[in-house]
Structures are given as C-alpha cells and as structure tokens.
C-alpha cells in the first residue's frame, strides 16, 4: 500500500527558512534529505511538500524544487506558519539518519506519518 508522506520544506529540505522570493531562490539544499525523499518517491510513496511559505512564493518554490531535483507529487502551501508544531505523527528532520531509520522501519500501510521540522 502506498503511503502519503508530508515533507516540510524550510529547515527540512533547505538549511534555512525562506520568507522572500530571493531567499527561496538561493536557499541551501539539504542534499541528504532530498536524496531520501527522492528514494521514497522512486519507491512509489506519495510525496507532498507541505510548507508554510506564502502562496506568492509558489513560483520561486517550484523553481527551487526543480533546480534541486526534488521529486514530489503535490506542493501544498497551506501549512500554518508557527514557531512550534506539536503533532503525534511528526519526526524531527534535523537528523536525517533517524528519519531514514524511522520511516524505513514503519510498516507500509500503517498510520500516516508526518515528516516535520520541530524546533
């Protein structure tokens, strides 16, 4: 069964947070996390990039995702901007090895998990 995996953008696929078009275009990619998201995509998982970036940054965001080779199915820009997210399905994305371990060990077809940046 294909899993739906929501992946945060700023601080997860990028090193820094981006709130302007210029910041979006020059953001530093986290290659290790991008490689892992692409692996999940290639394994036929359904990848949603879920971000709190404003909709006016959609074009710059899509450009950055393409430029950095991020494979995904949907870009959802409806995440509420917040200082903290408390969620029972979140994985802290700061440690890529822990994300990989958790997602790979999680049974396909089980609960939906949210890969999210918790600060």
Protein backbone atom coordinates (compact mmCIF):
# COMPACT_ATOMS: atom_id res chain seq x y z
CA UNK A 1 0.00 0.00 0.00
CA UNK A 2 1.31 3.41 -0.97
CA UNK A 3 1.92 5.79 1.94
CA UNK A 4 1.17 9.51 1.95
CA UNK A 5 4.24 11.30 3.33
CA UNK A 6 4.12 15.06 4.01
CA UNK A 7 7.57 16.65 3.93
CA UNK A 8 8.28 20.11 5.30
CA UNK A 9 10.39 22.41 3.15
CA UNK A 10 12.19 25.08 5.20
CA UNK A 11 14.68 23.56 7.61
CA UNK A 12 13.96 20.09 6.23
CA UNK A 13 14.78 20.23 2.51
CA UNK A 14 16.58 23.57 2.95
CA UNK A 15 19.09 24.59 5.59
CA UNK A 16 17.43 27.91 6.29
CA UNK A 17 13.87 29.28 6.40
CA UNK A 18 12.75 31.35 3.43
CA UNK A 19 10.19 34.15 3.57
CA UNK A 20 11.13 36.22 0.49
CA UNK A 21 11.44 35.31 -3.17
CA UNK A 22 15.19 35.91 -3.07
CA UNK A 23 15.61 33.64 -0.03
CA UNK A 24 13.58 30.92 -1.78
CA UNK A 25 15.72 31.07 -4.90
CA UNK A 26 19.09 30.88 -3.11
CA UNK A 27 18.20 28.51 -0.25
CA UNK A 28 20.85 25.94 0.61
CA UNK A 29 19.60 22.41 -0.13
CA UNK A 30 19.94 19.57 2.38
CA UNK A 31 21.15 17.00 -0.14
CA UNK A 32 20.88 14.08 2.27
CA UNK A 33 17.20 14.73 2.92
CA UNK A 34 16.46 15.44 -0.76
CA UNK A 35 18.11 12.15 -1.70
CA UNK A 36 15.98 10.31 0.84
CA UNK A 37 12.72 11.97 -0.27
CA UNK A 38 13.60 11.05 -3.87
CA UNK A 39 14.22 7.46 -2.76
CA UNK A 40 10.75 7.34 -1.19
CA UNK A 41 9.25 8.85 -4.36
CA UNK A 42 11.02 6.24 -6.51
CA UNK A 43 9.63 3.52 -4.22
CA UNK A 44 6.17 4.80 -5.20
CA UNK A 45 5.35 6.57 -1.95
CA UNK A 46 3.09 9.62 -2.40
CA UNK A 47 5.17 12.72 -1.52
CA UNK A 48 3.52 16.02 -0.58
CA UNK A 49 5.75 19.02 0.04
CA UNK A 50 3.88 20.76 2.86
CA UNK A 51 5.08 24.29 3.58
CA UNK A 52 4.08 27.43 5.42
CA UNK A 53 5.50 29.63 2.67
CA UNK A 54 3.01 32.18 1.36
CA UNK A 55 1.30 31.41 -1.94
CA UNK A 56 3.01 34.41 -3.58
CA UNK A 57 6.24 32.37 -3.28
CA UNK A 58 4.84 29.37 -5.19
CA UNK A 59 6.73 30.06 -8.44
CA UNK A 60 10.07 30.56 -6.65
CA UNK A 61 9.40 27.46 -4.54
CA UNK A 62 8.57 25.29 -7.56
CA UNK A 63 11.69 26.62 -9.32
CA UNK A 64 13.88 25.75 -6.29
CA UNK A 65 12.38 22.25 -6.02
CA UNK A 66 13.02 21.63 -9.72
CA UNK A 67 16.53 23.14 -9.64
CA UNK A 68 17.46 20.89 -6.73
CA UNK A 69 15.94 17.75 -8.20
CA UNK A 70 13.25 17.19 -5.58
CA UNK A 71 10.68 14.62 -6.74
CA UNK A 72 7.17 15.06 -5.36
CA UNK A 73 3.53 14.71 -6.32
CA UNK A 74 1.97 17.82 -4.80
CA UNK A 75 3.08 21.14 -3.35
CA UNK A 76 0.72 22.21 -0.55
CA UNK A 77 1.31 25.74 0.72
CA UNK A 78 -1.46 25.73 3.32
CA UNK A 79 0.60 24.85 6.40
CA UNK A 80 0.03 27.35 9.17
CA UNK A 81 3.23 29.30 9.98
CA UNK A 82 4.10 28.61 13.62
CA UNK A 83 7.07 28.65 15.98
CA UNK A 84 6.37 25.07 17.10
CA UNK A 85 4.35 22.14 15.85
CA UNK A 86 3.20 19.58 18.37
CA UNK A 87 1.99 16.56 16.47
CA UNK A 88 1.70 12.87 17.30
CA UNK A 89 2.85 11.87 13.82
CA UNK A 90 5.89 14.13 13.48
CA UNK A 91 9.53 13.14 13.02
CA UNK A 92 12.24 15.69 13.79
CA UNK A 93 14.06 16.14 10.48
CA UNK A 94 17.32 17.53 11.87
CA UNK A 95 18.90 14.07 11.95
CA UNK A 96 18.48 12.52 8.51
CA UNK A 97 19.72 9.11 9.69
CA UNK A 98 16.98 8.98 12.34
CA UNK A 99 14.34 9.97 9.74
CA UNK A 100 15.52 7.20 7.43
CA UNK A 101 15.56 4.65 10.25
CA UNK A 102 12.06 5.58 11.43
CA UNK A 103 10.41 5.73 8.00
CA UNK A 104 12.11 2.56 6.74
CA UNK A 105 11.06 0.63 9.85
CA UNK A 106 7.48 1.89 9.74
CA UNK A 107 5.17 -0.69 8.25
CA UNK A 108 3.75 0.26 4.88
CA UNK A 109 0.01 0.63 5.05
CA UNK A 110 0.04 1.62 8.71
CA UNK A 111 -0.57 5.03 10.19
CA UNK A 112 0.26 8.06 8.06
CA UNK A 113 3.42 9.73 9.33
CA UNK A 114 4.32 13.38 9.02
CA UNK A 115 7.97 14.26 8.48
CA UNK A 116 8.12 17.70 10.01
CA UNK A 117 10.63 20.15 11.37
CA UNK A 118 10.17 20.61 15.11
CA UNK A 119 12.12 23.47 16.65
